[in-house]
Amino acid sequence: MSRSVYLLFGVIAYFVFFATFLYLIGFVGDLPGVPLTVDRGGPLVPLPSAVAIDLGLVALFGLQHSLMARRGFKTAWTRIVPAPVERSTYVLFASAALILMYLLWRPIPGTVWMVENRAAAMLLWALFAAGWLIVLLSTFLISHFELFGLKQVWRHMRGTAASEPVFRQPFFYRLVRHPLYAGFFIAFWATPHMTLGHLVLAGGMSVYMLIAIRFEERDLVTMFGPQYEEYRGKVGMLTPRLRRPT
């Protein structure tokens, strides 16, 4: 019975994540038809309060996203949450943190830059779309369904054990070590109209990602040892290296 319940929980958590991810695209891009976005929908409050609230929401997401991903936390957490749904629970908490951001975000009016040229604006929108596409493709390159918990509950349903992690460098990962984060950087910053509120979001998320990368790389070195250290010495973190080290 527990196996089917775990599978159902994993499927629900996955679809909650996917809906939340799709909404994030509209939220960041301030797309038409999206009721609450980075630039509209929420109540206007004084600038210091808005900045404090918005940065607090980014920090909350960052803490949840990084803390629950650490090996020490997982070891303690799986004493409470069954191991097969640990990842699905993480995904559900991450989605909840994003939903809270959508609901409580305070728009901050004021233009940092506005690109009036139509061709340049279209180029920035193309980069915006490319950023999200890179994010999504990167998850599939490193096992999308395992990253979001479905593979774990499916293995539990079938009674099969997880295989040992294997270090691979598929496609984007031959160019940069963290293409998923690189895609997010592009998506957050590529906009023809950068408002103060959007700047707070892009800046806050960028700081979080740079910190998260350090923790993730520490875990990857622990997992793969010299193999990952050699890879890190050859491949750029977020942008390709023009010249390989000799």
C-alpha atoms as a PDB file:
ATOM      1  CA  MET A   1       0.000   0.000   0.000  1.00  0.00           C
ATOM      2  CA  SER A   2       2.774   2.433   0.938  1.00  0.00           C
ATOM      3  CA  ARG A   3       4.409   1.994  -2.451  1.00  0.00           C
ATOM      4  CA  SER A   4       1.362   3.219  -4.367  1.00  0.00           C
ATOM      5  CA  VAL A   5       0.867   6.050  -1.856  1.00  0.00           C
ATOM      6  CA  TYR A   6       4.507   7.122  -2.270  1.00  0.00           C
ATOM      7  CA  LEU A   7       4.138   7.023  -6.052  1.00  0.00           C
ATOM      8  CA  LEU A   8       0.983   9.143  -5.910  1.00  0.00           C
ATOM      9  CA  PHE A   9       2.709  11.620  -3.594  1.00  0.00           C
ATOM     10  CA  GLY A  10       5.687  11.832  -5.959  1.00  0.00           C
ATOM     11  CA  VAL A  11       3.455  12.428  -8.987  1.00  0.00           C
ATOM     12  CA  ILE A  12       1.486  15.161  -7.172  1.00  0.00           C
ATOM     13  CA  ALA A  13       4.714  16.843  -5.997  1.00  0.00           C
ATOM     14  CA  TYR A  14       6.069  16.742  -9.558  1.00  0.00           C
ATOM     15  CA  PHE A  15       3.007  18.361 -11.108  1.00  0.00           C
ATOM     16  CA  VAL A  16       2.920  21.016  -8.377  1.00  0.00           C
ATOM     17  CA  PHE A  17       6.551  21.763  -9.215  1.00  0.00           C
ATOM     18  CA  PHE A  18       5.902  21.888 -12.959  1.00  0.00           C
ATOM     19  CA  ALA A  19       2.973  24.282 -12.584  1.00  0.00           C
ATOM     20  CA  THR A  20       5.067  26.435 -10.230  1.00  0.00           C
ATOM     21  CA  PHE A  21       7.959  26.440 -12.694  1.00  0.00           C
ATOM     22  CA  LEU A  22       5.731  27.516 -15.576  1.00  0.00           C
ATOM     23  CA  TYR A  23       4.289  30.294 -13.427  1.00  0.00           C
ATOM     24  CA  LEU A  24       7.826  31.437 -12.582  1.00  0.00           C
ATOM     25  CA  ILE A  25       8.423  32.164 -16.267  1.00  0.00           C
ATOM     26  CA  GLY A  26       5.367  34.420 -16.367  1.00  0.00           C
ATOM     27  CA  PHE A  27       6.234  35.963 -12.993  1.00  0.00           C
ATOM     28  CA  VAL A  28       9.763  36.954 -13.995  1.00  0.00           C
ATOM     29  CA  GLY A  29       8.792  38.022 -17.515  1.00  0.00           C
ATOM     30  CA  ASP A  30       5.759  40.023 -16.352  1.00  0.00           C
ATOM     31  CA  LEU A  31       3.828  38.235 -19.089  1.00  0.00           C
ATOM     32  CA  PRO A  32       0.234  39.197 -20.010  1.00  0.00           C
ATOM     33  CA  GLY A  33      -2.442  37.088 -18.336  1.00  0.00           C
ATOM     34  CA  VAL A  34      -0.317  36.317 -15.270  1.00  0.00           C
ATOM     35  CA  PRO A  35      -2.126  37.910 -12.300  1.00  0.00           C
ATOM     36  CA  LEU A  36       0.850  38.332  -9.937  1.00  0.00           C
ATOM     37  CA  THR A  37       4.255  39.169 -11.380  1.00  0.00           C
ATOM     38  CA  VAL A  38       7.497  40.799 -10.349  1.00  0.00           C
ATOM     39  CA  ASP A  39       6.134  44.170 -11.561  1.00  0.00           C
ATOM     40  CA  ARG A  40       2.402  44.109 -10.857  1.00  0.00           C
ATOM     41  CA  GLY A  41      -0.417  42.587  -8.880  1.00  0.00           C
ATOM     42  CA  GLY A  42       0.860  42.964  -5.345  1.00  0.00           C
ATOM     43  CA  PRO A  43       0.171  45.990  -3.120  1.00  0.00           C
ATOM     44  CA  LEU A  44       2.589  48.912  -3.276  1.00  0.00           C
ATOM     45  CA  VAL A  45       4.417  49.653  -0.023  1.00  0.00           C
ATOM     46  CA  PRO A  46       7.205  52.120   0.883  1.00  0.00           C
ATOM     47  CA  LEU A  47      10.518  51.357  -0.819  1.00  0.00           C
ATOM     48  CA  PRO A  48      12.449  50.161   2.290  1.00  0.00           C
ATOM     49  CA  SER A  49       9.620  47.802   3.258  1.00  0.00           C
ATOM     50  CA  ALA A  50       9.281  46.459  -0.289  1.00  0.00           C
ATOM     51  CA  VAL A  51      13.020  45.769  -0.589  1.00  0.00           C
ATOM     52  CA  ALA A  52      13.084  44.085   2.846  1.00  0.00           C
ATOM     53  CA  ILE A  53      10.059  41.888   2.065  1.00  0.00           C
ATOM     54  CA  ASP A  54      11.274  40.901  -1.393  1.00  0.00           C
ATOM     55  CA  LEU A  55      14.832  40.114  -0.280  1.00  0.00           C
ATOM     56  CA  GLY A  56      13.393  38.157   2.638  1.00  0.00           C
ATOM     57  CA  LEU A  57      11.357  36.043   0.224  1.00  0.00           C
ATOM     58  CA  VAL A  58      14.432  35.402  -1.929  1.00  0.00           C
ATOM     59  CA  ALA A  59      16.442  34.492   1.178  1.00  0.00           C
ATOM     60  CA  LEU A  60      13.702  32.122   2.365  1.00  0.00           C
ATOM     61  CA  PHE A  61      13.735  30.330  -0.981  1.00  0.00           C
ATOM     62  CA  GLY A  62      17.532  30.197  -0.983  1.00  0.00           C
ATOM     63  CA  LEU A  63      17.750  28.789   2.546  1.00  0.00           C
ATOM     64  CA  GLN A  64      15.143  26.124   1.850  1.00  0.00           C
ATOM     65  CA  HIS A  65      16.664  25.216  -1.504  1.00  0.00           C
ATOM     66  CA  SER A  66      20.228  24.894  -0.217  1.00  0.00           C
ATOM     67  CA  LEU A  67      19.698  23.605   3.319  1.00  0.00           C
ATOM     68  CA  MET A  68      17.399  20.732   2.355  1.00  0.00           C
ATOM     69  CA  ALA A  69      19.795  19.697  -0.434  1.00  0.00           C
ATOM     70  CA  ARG A  70      22.761  19.153   1.890  1.00  0.00           C
ATOM     71  CA  ARG A  71      23.782  15.602   2.732  1.00  0.00           C
ATOM     72  CA  GLY A  72      23.759  16.177   6.503  1.00  0.00           C
ATOM     73  CA  PHE A  73      20.209  17.534   6.399  1.00  0.00           C
ATOM     74  CA  LYS A  74      19.059  14.612   4.247  1.00  0.00           C
ATOM     75  CA  THR A  75      20.496  12.121   6.720  1.00  0.00           C
ATOM     76  CA  ALA A  76      18.561  13.712   9.580  1.00  0.00           C
ATOM     77  CA  TRP A  77      15.460  14.400   7.486  1.00  0.00           C
ATOM     78  CA  THR A  78      15.049  10.785   6.366  1.00  0.00           C
ATOM     79  CA  ARG A  79      14.602   9.778  10.000  1.00  0.00           C
ATOM     80  CA  ILE A  80      11.273  11.604   9.742  1.00  0.00           C
ATOM     81  CA  VAL A  81      10.426  11.419   6.033  1.00  0.00           C
ATOM     82  CA  PRO A  82      10.666   8.022   4.263  1.00  0.00           C
ATOM     83  CA  ALA A  83      13.704   7.896   1.963  1.00  0.00           C
ATOM     84  CA  PRO A  84      11.726   7.147  -1.248  1.00  0.00           C
ATOM     85  CA  VAL A  85       9.811  10.447  -0.942  1.00  0.00           C
ATOM     86  CA  GLU A  86      12.653  12.573   0.436  1.00  0.00           C
ATOM     87  CA  ARG A  87      13.289  14.211  -2.937  1.00  0.00           C
ATOM     88  CA  SER A  88       9.586  14.677  -3.671  1.00  0.00           C
ATOM     89  CA  THR A  89       9.190  16.372  -0.284  1.00  0.00           C
ATOM     90  CA  TYR A  90      12.103  18.656  -1.106  1.00  0.00           C
ATOM     91  CA  VAL A  91      10.472  19.530  -4.442  1.00  0.00           C
ATOM     92  CA  LEU A  92       7.170  20.263  -2.692  1.00  0.00           C
ATOM     93  CA  PHE A  93       8.850  22.574  -0.151  1.00  0.00           C
ATOM     94  CA  ALA A  94      10.718  24.372  -2.952  1.00  0.00           C
ATOM     95  CA  SER A  95       7.441  24.877  -4.813  1.00  0.00           C
ATOM     96  CA  ALA A  96       5.804  26.194  -1.634  1.00  0.00           C
ATOM     97  CA  ALA A  97       8.639  28.717  -1.185  1.00  0.00           C
ATOM     98  CA  LEU A  98       8.113  29.963  -4.742  1.00  0.00           C
ATOM     99  CA  ILE A  99       4.323  30.153  -4.341  1.00  0.00           C
ATOM    100  CA  LEU A 100       4.848  32.188  -1.174  1.00  0.00           C
ATOM    101  CA  MET A 101       7.069  34.522  -3.192  1.00  0.00           C
ATOM    102  CA  TYR A 102       4.380  34.965  -5.842  1.00  0.00           C
ATOM    103  CA  LEU A 103       1.738  35.768  -3.222  1.00  0.00           C
ATOM    104  CA  LEU A 104       3.769  38.118  -1.011  1.00  0.00           C
ATOM    105  CA  TRP A 105       6.031  39.848  -3.546  1.00  0.00           C
ATOM    106  CA  ARG A 106       5.856  43.637  -3.464  1.00  0.00           C
ATOM    107  CA  PRO A 107       6.389  45.341  -6.845  1.00  0.00           C
ATOM    108  CA  ILE A 108       8.839  48.253  -6.819  1.00  0.00           C
ATOM    109  CA  PRO A 109       8.160  50.828  -9.555  1.00  0.00           C
ATOM    110  CA  GLY A 110      10.998  52.663 -11.215  1.00  0.00           C
ATOM    111  CA  THR A 111      12.917  51.942 -14.380  1.00  0.00           C
ATOM    112  CA  VAL A 112      16.554  50.870 -14.335  1.00  0.00           C
ATOM    113  CA  TRP A 113      16.667  50.454 -18.113  1.00  0.00           C
ATOM    114  CA  MET A 114      14.158  50.442 -20.943  1.00  0.00           C
ATOM    115  CA  VAL A 115      15.138  49.172 -24.391  1.00  0.00           C
ATOM    116  CA  GLU A 116      13.082  51.083 -26.949  1.00  0.00           C
ATOM    117  CA  ASN A 117      14.655  49.626 -30.098  1.00  0.00           C
ATOM    118  CA  ARG A 118      12.341  46.881 -31.334  1.00  0.00           C
ATOM    119  CA  ALA A 119      15.091  44.616 -32.668  1.00  0.00           C
ATOM    120  CA  ALA A 120      17.112  44.882 -29.458  1.00  0.00           C
ATOM    121  CA  ALA A 121      13.997  44.241 -27.353  1.00  0.00           C
ATOM    122  CA  MET A 122      13.162  41.156 -29.413  1.00  0.00           C
ATOM    123  CA  LEU A 123      16.729  39.912 -28.959  1.00  0.00           C
ATOM    124  CA  LEU A 124      16.373  40.246 -25.183  1.00  0.00           C
ATOM    125  CA  TRP A 125      13.056  38.360 -25.267  1.00  0.00           C
ATOM    126  CA  ALA A 126      14.771  35.638 -27.306  1.00  0.00           C
ATOM    127  CA  LEU A 127      17.511  35.426 -24.668  1.00  0.00           C
ATOM    128  CA  PHE A 128      14.835  35.287 -21.961  1.00  0.00           C
ATOM    129  CA  ALA A 129      13.201  32.304 -23.694  1.00  0.00           C
ATOM    130  CA  ALA A 130      16.582  30.671 -24.342  1.00  0.00           C
ATOM    131  CA  GLY A 131      17.466  30.943 -20.665  1.00  0.00           C
ATOM    132  CA  TRP A 132      14.380  28.986 -19.602  1.00  0.00           C
ATOM    133  CA  LEU A 133      14.957  26.445 -22.370  1.00  0.00           C
ATOM    134  CA  ILE A 134      18.527  25.902 -21.152  1.00  0.00           C
ATOM    135  CA  VAL A 135      17.219  25.385 -17.618  1.00  0.00           C
ATOM    136  CA  LEU A 136      14.703  22.771 -18.738  1.00  0.00           C
ATOM    137  CA  LEU A 137      17.083  20.946 -21.095  1.00  0.00           C
ATOM    138  CA  SER A 138      19.777  20.878 -18.406  1.00  0.00           C
ATOM    139  CA  THR A 139      17.447  19.023 -16.031  1.00  0.00           C
ATOM    140  CA  PHE A 140      16.898  16.315 -18.647  1.00  0.00           C
ATOM    141  CA  LEU A 141      20.634  16.015 -19.265  1.00  0.00           C
ATOM    142  CA  ILE A 142      21.165  15.124 -15.587  1.00  0.00           C
ATOM    143  CA  SER A 143      18.042  12.934 -15.213  1.00  0.00           C
ATOM    144  CA  HIS A 144      15.020  15.215 -14.973  1.00  0.00           C
ATOM    145  CA  PHE A 145      12.777  12.661 -13.273  1.00  0.00           C
ATOM    146  CA  GLU A 146      15.354  11.818 -10.612  1.00  0.00           C
ATOM    147  CA  LEU A 147      16.043  15.496  -9.949  1.00  0.00           C
ATOM    148  CA  PHE A 148      12.344  16.023  -9.174  1.00  0.00           C
ATOM    149  CA  GLY A 149      11.706  12.802  -7.266  1.00  0.00           C
ATOM    150  CA  LEU A 150       9.707  10.704  -9.715  1.00  0.00           C
ATOM    151  CA  LYS A 151      12.440   8.167 -10.379  1.00  0.00           C
ATOM    152  CA  GLN A 152      12.887   7.472  -6.667  1.00  0.00           C
ATOM    153  CA  VAL A 153       9.209   6.686  -6.033  1.00  0.00           C
ATOM    154  CA  TRP A 154       9.026   4.638  -9.247  1.00  0.00           C
ATOM    155  CA  ARG A 155      12.039   2.563  -8.170  1.00  0.00           C
ATOM    156  CA  HIS A 156      10.412   2.038  -4.784  1.00  0.00           C
ATOM    157  CA  MET A 157       7.186   0.979  -6.492  1.00  0.00           C
ATOM    158  CA  ARG A 158       9.079  -1.640  -8.501  1.00  0.00           C
ATOM    159  CA  GLY A 159      11.324  -2.683  -5.616  1.00  0.00           C
ATOM    160  CA  THR A 160      14.578  -1.865  -7.418  1.00  0.00           C
ATOM    161  CA  ALA A 161      17.655  -0.288  -5.869  1.00  0.00           C
ATOM    162  CA  ALA A 162      19.246   2.971  -6.974  1.00  0.00           C
ATOM    163  CA  SER A 163      22.359   2.659  -9.115  1.00  0.00           C
ATOM    164  CA  GLU A 164      25.658   4.211  -8.085  1.00  0.00           C
ATOM    165  CA  PRO A 165      26.081   7.804  -9.334  1.00  0.00           C
ATOM    166  CA  VAL A 166      28.200   8.076 -12.457  1.00  0.00           C
ATOM    167  CA  PHE A 167      30.064  11.240 -13.402  1.00  0.00           C
ATOM    168  CA  ARG A 168      29.033  12.380 -16.891  1.00  0.00           C
ATOM    169  CA  GLN A 169      29.463  15.501 -19.035  1.00  0.00           C
ATOM    170  CA  PRO A 170      26.514  15.545 -21.455  1.00  0.00           C
ATOM    171  CA  PHE A 171      26.104  18.381 -23.979  1.00  0.00           C
ATOM    172  CA  PHE A 172      25.937  21.710 -22.061  1.00  0.00           C
ATOM    173  CA  TYR A 173      28.053  20.215 -19.275  1.00  0.00           C
ATOM    174  CA  ARG A 174      31.007  20.005 -21.631  1.00  0.00           C
ATOM    175  CA  LEU A 175      30.898  23.792 -21.948  1.00  0.00           C
ATOM    176  CA  VAL A 176      30.028  24.927 -18.410  1.00  0.00           C
ATOM    177  CA  ARG A 177      29.804  23.141 -15.076  1.00  0.00           C
ATOM    178  CA  HIS A 178      26.437  24.602 -14.131  1.00  0.00           C
ATOM    179  CA  PRO A 179      24.323  25.205 -17.257  1.00  0.00           C
ATOM    180  CA  LEU A 180      21.111  25.068 -15.221  1.00  0.00           C
ATOM    181  CA  TYR A 181      22.228  28.059 -13.162  1.00  0.00           C
ATOM    182  CA  ALA A 182      23.597  29.760 -16.287  1.00  0.00           C
ATOM    183  CA  GLY A 183      20.134  29.458 -17.829  1.00  0.00           C
ATOM    184  CA  PHE A 184      18.572  31.052 -14.762  1.00  0.00           C
ATOM    185  CA  PHE A 185      21.077  33.933 -14.895  1.00  0.00           C
ATOM    186  CA  ILE A 186      20.104  34.609 -18.500  1.00  0.00           C
ATOM    187  CA  ALA A 187      16.371  34.334 -17.757  1.00  0.00           C
ATOM    188  CA  PHE A 188      16.500  36.682 -14.766  1.00  0.00           C
ATOM    189  CA  TRP A 189      18.581  39.389 -16.420  1.00  0.00           C
ATOM    190  CA  ALA A 190      17.416  39.329 -20.067  1.00  0.00           C
ATOM    191  CA  THR A 191      14.584  41.841 -20.153  1.00  0.00           C
ATOM    192  CA  PRO A 192      13.918  44.957 -22.246  1.00  0.00           C
ATOM    193  CA  HIS A 193      12.384  46.655 -19.183  1.00  0.00           C
ATOM    194  CA  MET A 194      14.333  46.277 -15.950  1.00  0.00           C
ATOM    195  CA  THR A 195      12.366  47.719 -13.050  1.00  0.00           C
ATOM    196  CA  LEU A 196      13.679  48.214  -9.523  1.00  0.00           C
ATOM    197  CA  GLY A 197      11.600  45.264  -8.367  1.00  0.00           C
ATOM    198  CA  HIS A 198      12.962  43.041 -11.142  1.00  0.00           C
ATOM    199  CA  LEU A 199      16.474  44.184 -10.235  1.00  0.00           C
ATOM    200  CA  VAL A 200      15.933  43.125  -6.616  1.00  0.00           C
ATOM    201  CA  LEU A 201      14.740  39.691  -7.786  1.00  0.00           C
ATOM    202  CA  ALA A 202      17.535  39.210 -10.335  1.00  0.00           C
ATOM    203  CA  GLY A 203      20.222  40.465  -7.974  1.00  0.00           C
ATOM    204  CA  GLY A 204      18.971  38.472  -4.993  1.00  0.00           C
ATOM    205  CA  MET A 205      18.631  35.252  -6.968  1.00  0.00           C
ATOM    206  CA  SER A 206      22.065  35.769  -8.536  1.00  0.00           C
ATOM    207  CA  VAL A 207      23.716  36.090  -5.115  1.00  0.00           C
ATOM    208  CA  TYR A 208      21.868  32.977  -3.929  1.00  0.00           C
ATOM    209  CA  MET A 209      22.969  30.962  -6.996  1.00  0.00           C
ATOM    210  CA  LEU A 210      26.622  31.938  -6.596  1.00  0.00           C
ATOM    211  CA  ILE A 211      26.491  30.777  -2.975  1.00  0.00           C
ATOM    212  CA  ALA A 212      24.583  27.594  -3.861  1.00  0.00           C
ATOM    213  CA  ILE A 213      27.173  26.655  -6.485  1.00  0.00           C
ATOM    214  CA  ARG A 214      29.918  26.655  -3.842  1.00  0.00           C
ATOM    215  CA  PHE A 215      27.972  24.233  -1.650  1.00  0.00           C
ATOM    216  CA  GLU A 216      27.034  22.015  -4.591  1.00  0.00           C
ATOM    217  CA  GLU A 217      30.602  21.819  -5.823  1.00  0.00           C
ATOM    218  CA  ARG A 218      31.783  20.825  -2.359  1.00  0.00           C
ATOM    219  CA  ASP A 219      29.261  17.956  -2.409  1.00  0.00           C
ATOM    220  CA  LEU A 220      30.318  16.959  -5.936  1.00  0.00           C
ATOM    221  CA  VAL A 221      33.990  16.848  -4.947  1.00  0.00           C
ATOM    222  CA  THR A 222      33.035  14.644  -1.988  1.00  0.00           C
ATOM    223  CA  MET A 223      31.049  12.368  -4.302  1.00  0.00           C
ATOM    224  CA  PHE A 224      33.394  12.123  -7.301  1.00  0.00           C
ATOM    225  CA  GLY A 225      36.748  13.193  -5.866  1.00  0.00           C
ATOM    226  CA  PRO A 226      39.656  13.893  -8.266  1.00  0.00           C
ATOM    227  CA  GLN A 227      37.412  13.222 -11.259  1.00  0.00           C
ATOM    228  CA  TYR A 228      35.315  16.293 -10.490  1.00  0.00           C
ATOM    229  CA  GLU A 229      38.331  18.371  -9.444  1.00  0.00           C
ATOM    230  CA  GLU A 230      39.917  17.713 -12.851  1.00  0.00           C
ATOM    231  CA  TYR A 231      36.649  18.656 -14.557  1.00  0.00           C
ATOM    232  CA  ARG A 232      36.434  21.853 -12.501  1.00  0.00           C
ATOM    233  CA  GLY A 233      39.949  22.765 -13.582  1.00  0.00           C
ATOM    234  CA  LYS A 234      39.057  22.460 -17.268  1.00  0.00           C
ATOM    235  CA  VAL A 235      35.461  23.736 -17.591  1.00  0.00           C
ATOM    236  CA  GLY A 236      34.137  27.177 -16.654  1.00  0.00           C
ATOM    237  CA  MET A 237      31.557  27.570 -13.911  1.00  0.00           C
ATOM    238  CA  LEU A 238      28.882  29.569 -15.752  1.00  0.00           C
ATOM    239  CA  THR A 239      30.548  30.611 -18.997  1.00  0.00           C
ATOM    240  CA  PRO A 240      32.740  28.597 -21.372  1.00  0.00           C
ATOM    241  CA  ARG A 241      36.475  29.030 -21.058  1.00  0.00           C
ATOM    242  CA  LEU A 242      37.973  30.403 -24.247  1.00  0.00           C
ATOM    243  CA  ARG A 243      41.253  28.680 -23.555  1.00  0.00           C
ATOM    244  CA  ARG A 244      41.700  25.368 -21.799  1.00  0.00           C
ATOM    245  CA  PRO A 245      44.384  25.307 -19.081  1.00  0.00           C
ATOM    246  CA  THR A 246      47.592  23.584 -20.142  1.00  0.00           C
END
